[in-house]
Each structure stands twice: as structure tokens, then as C-alpha cells.
Amino acid sequence: MSFDFPPVNKDRAYDCIDAMNPMASARDASVAGVALGWLLAKPWVTSVIIGAKTPEQLKQNLAAVDVKLSAEEMAVLDKVSELPREYPGWMLERQGGERTTGIA
């Protein structure tokens, strides 16, 4: 038995890794480098914290500043990592959906 704190949706995490693997291979980068590059491309992300246990991991993490993802790749990672709506957000969408269809 394992205990994750905070709770981690492992299926979503592995879906993210599966999506990043071909992106990393195409760039001769690590999956961690792609993940860091994706975060660094977000205008609202002001910094990222890297975790390196070896000099090689540090080198790979620092190389993330050179990882440039296409708009399509960014969209794939945005979709696969999307968090579920929490209350009350999902309730407002559900209850207000009919109201918003006629506005635009």
C-alpha cells in the first residue's frame, strides 16, 4: 500500500510522460527538459524549481531553456495535463451552460 501526499493522479501523470517522450526524443532532450521547457513557455510562469540529483540531470534541466515546443505540442501538453474542474467551477458551468449559448 502506498500513500501519496498530496494525492497524485498517476494516470494523468503517465499520460503526460507518454506525450512528452516523442517530443524529448525528437530533440535529443530528457522528458524533464521538455516538461521544464513547456512550463518556461507559459507567460504566467515566472520561475521553475528544478530537482537534480546528478550533474547529468542538472545539465539536462538547464538545457530546458533551449527547448522550444510548437503550438501543437503545447496544446497537446495543455490538454493531457488539464486538471478537472473543482467545485464550484464545474457547477457554474453546468448550471449556466444553457444561459451562455445564446449570448455570443
Protein backbone atom coordinates (compact mmCIF):
# COMPACT_ATOMS: atom_id res chain seq x y z
CA MET A 1 0.00 0.00 0.00
CA SER A 2 1.30 3.45 -0.87
CA PHE A 3 0.25 6.86 0.27
CA ASP A 4 0.64 9.95 -1.89
CA PHE A 5 0.56 13.31 -0.19
CA PRO A 6 -0.69 15.35 -1.81
CA PRO A 7 -2.78 12.90 -3.83
CA VAL A 8 -1.45 12.37 -7.34
CA ASN A 9 -3.49 11.26 -10.34
CA LYS A 10 -0.95 8.75 -11.62
CA ASP A 11 -2.88 8.02 -14.83
CA ARG A 12 -2.74 11.70 -15.80
CA ALA A 13 0.94 11.86 -14.83
CA TYR A 14 1.80 8.87 -17.03
CA ASP A 15 -0.31 10.30 -19.88
CA CYS A 16 1.82 13.45 -19.66
CA ILE A 17 5.04 11.41 -19.74
CA ASP A 18 3.75 9.41 -22.71
CA ALA A 19 3.02 12.65 -24.58
CA MET A 20 6.44 14.13 -23.76
CA ASN A 21 8.50 11.06 -24.72
CA PRO A 22 8.37 11.59 -28.50
CA MET A 23 8.92 15.33 -28.05
CA ALA A 24 12.04 14.61 -26.00
CA SER A 25 13.32 12.02 -28.47
CA ALA A 26 12.87 14.41 -31.41
CA ARG A 27 15.05 16.99 -29.63
CA ASP A 28 17.57 14.66 -28.00
CA ALA A 29 16.32 16.05 -24.69
CA SER A 30 15.06 14.50 -21.49
CA VAL A 31 11.37 14.26 -20.60
CA ALA A 32 12.15 16.52 -17.65
CA GLY A 33 13.69 19.02 -20.06
CA VAL A 34 10.54 19.03 -22.18
CA ALA A 35 8.40 19.49 -19.07
CA LEU A 36 10.55 22.41 -17.92
CA GLY A 37 10.57 23.91 -21.42
CA TRP A 38 6.77 23.68 -21.54
CA LEU A 39 6.49 25.48 -18.21
CA LEU A 40 9.02 28.13 -19.19
CA ALA A 41 6.96 28.90 -22.32
CA LYS A 42 3.96 29.85 -20.18
CA PRO A 43 3.80 33.65 -19.77
CA TRP A 44 2.36 33.38 -16.28
CA VAL A 45 5.14 31.10 -15.02
CA THR A 46 7.82 33.32 -13.53
CA SER A 47 10.20 30.59 -12.40
CA VAL A 48 10.53 26.84 -12.12
CA ILE A 49 12.26 24.79 -9.47
CA ILE A 50 14.46 22.06 -10.80
CA GLY A 51 15.41 18.91 -8.96
CA ALA A 52 18.68 17.34 -9.96
CA LYS A 53 20.46 14.56 -8.10
CA THR A 54 23.36 14.20 -10.50
CA PRO A 55 25.47 16.59 -12.60
CA GLU A 56 23.95 14.99 -15.74
CA GLN A 57 20.42 15.73 -14.53
CA LEU A 58 21.44 19.31 -13.77
CA LYS A 59 22.84 19.64 -17.30
CA GLN A 60 19.60 18.26 -18.79
CA ASN A 61 17.46 20.57 -16.65
CA LEU A 62 19.48 23.64 -17.58
CA ALA A 63 19.21 22.70 -21.27
CA ALA A 64 15.44 23.16 -20.94
CA VAL A 65 15.84 26.87 -21.67
CA ASP A 66 16.61 25.83 -25.26
CA VAL A 67 13.59 23.52 -25.62
CA LYS A 68 11.13 25.24 -27.93
CA LEU A 69 7.82 23.46 -28.44
CA SER A 70 5.46 24.07 -31.35
CA ALA A 71 1.98 25.46 -30.74
CA GLU A 72 0.59 21.98 -31.49
CA GLU A 73 2.89 20.35 -28.94
CA MET A 74 1.99 22.98 -26.35
CA ALA A 75 -1.70 22.28 -26.97
CA VAL A 76 -1.15 18.52 -26.57
CA LEU A 77 0.58 19.03 -23.22
CA ASP A 78 -2.05 21.53 -22.10
CA LYS A 79 -4.80 19.04 -22.88
CA VAL A 80 -3.20 15.95 -21.38
CA SER A 81 -2.29 17.78 -18.16
CA GLU A 82 -5.59 19.60 -17.78
CA LEU A 83 -6.89 19.50 -14.24
CA PRO A 84 -10.51 18.60 -13.58
CA ARG A 85 -12.85 21.39 -12.62
CA GLU A 86 -13.41 21.76 -8.91
CA TYR A 87 -16.49 22.91 -7.12
CA PRO A 88 -17.98 25.47 -7.63
CA GLY A 89 -16.49 25.88 -11.12
CA TRP A 90 -17.99 22.73 -12.59
CA MET A 91 -21.36 23.57 -11.04
CA LEU A 92 -21.40 27.06 -12.54
CA GLU A 93 -20.54 25.66 -15.97
CA ARG A 94 -23.22 23.01 -15.70
CA GLN A 95 -25.96 25.33 -14.44
CA GLY A 96 -25.02 28.30 -16.60
CA GLY A 97 -24.30 26.44 -19.83
CA GLU A 98 -27.76 27.00 -21.27
CA ARG A 99 -27.58 30.70 -20.47
CA THR A 100 -24.29 31.24 -22.25
CA THR A 101 -25.22 29.54 -25.53
CA GLY A 102 -27.42 32.42 -26.65
CA ILE A 103 -25.13 35.26 -25.58
CA ALA A 104 -22.46 35.25 -28.27
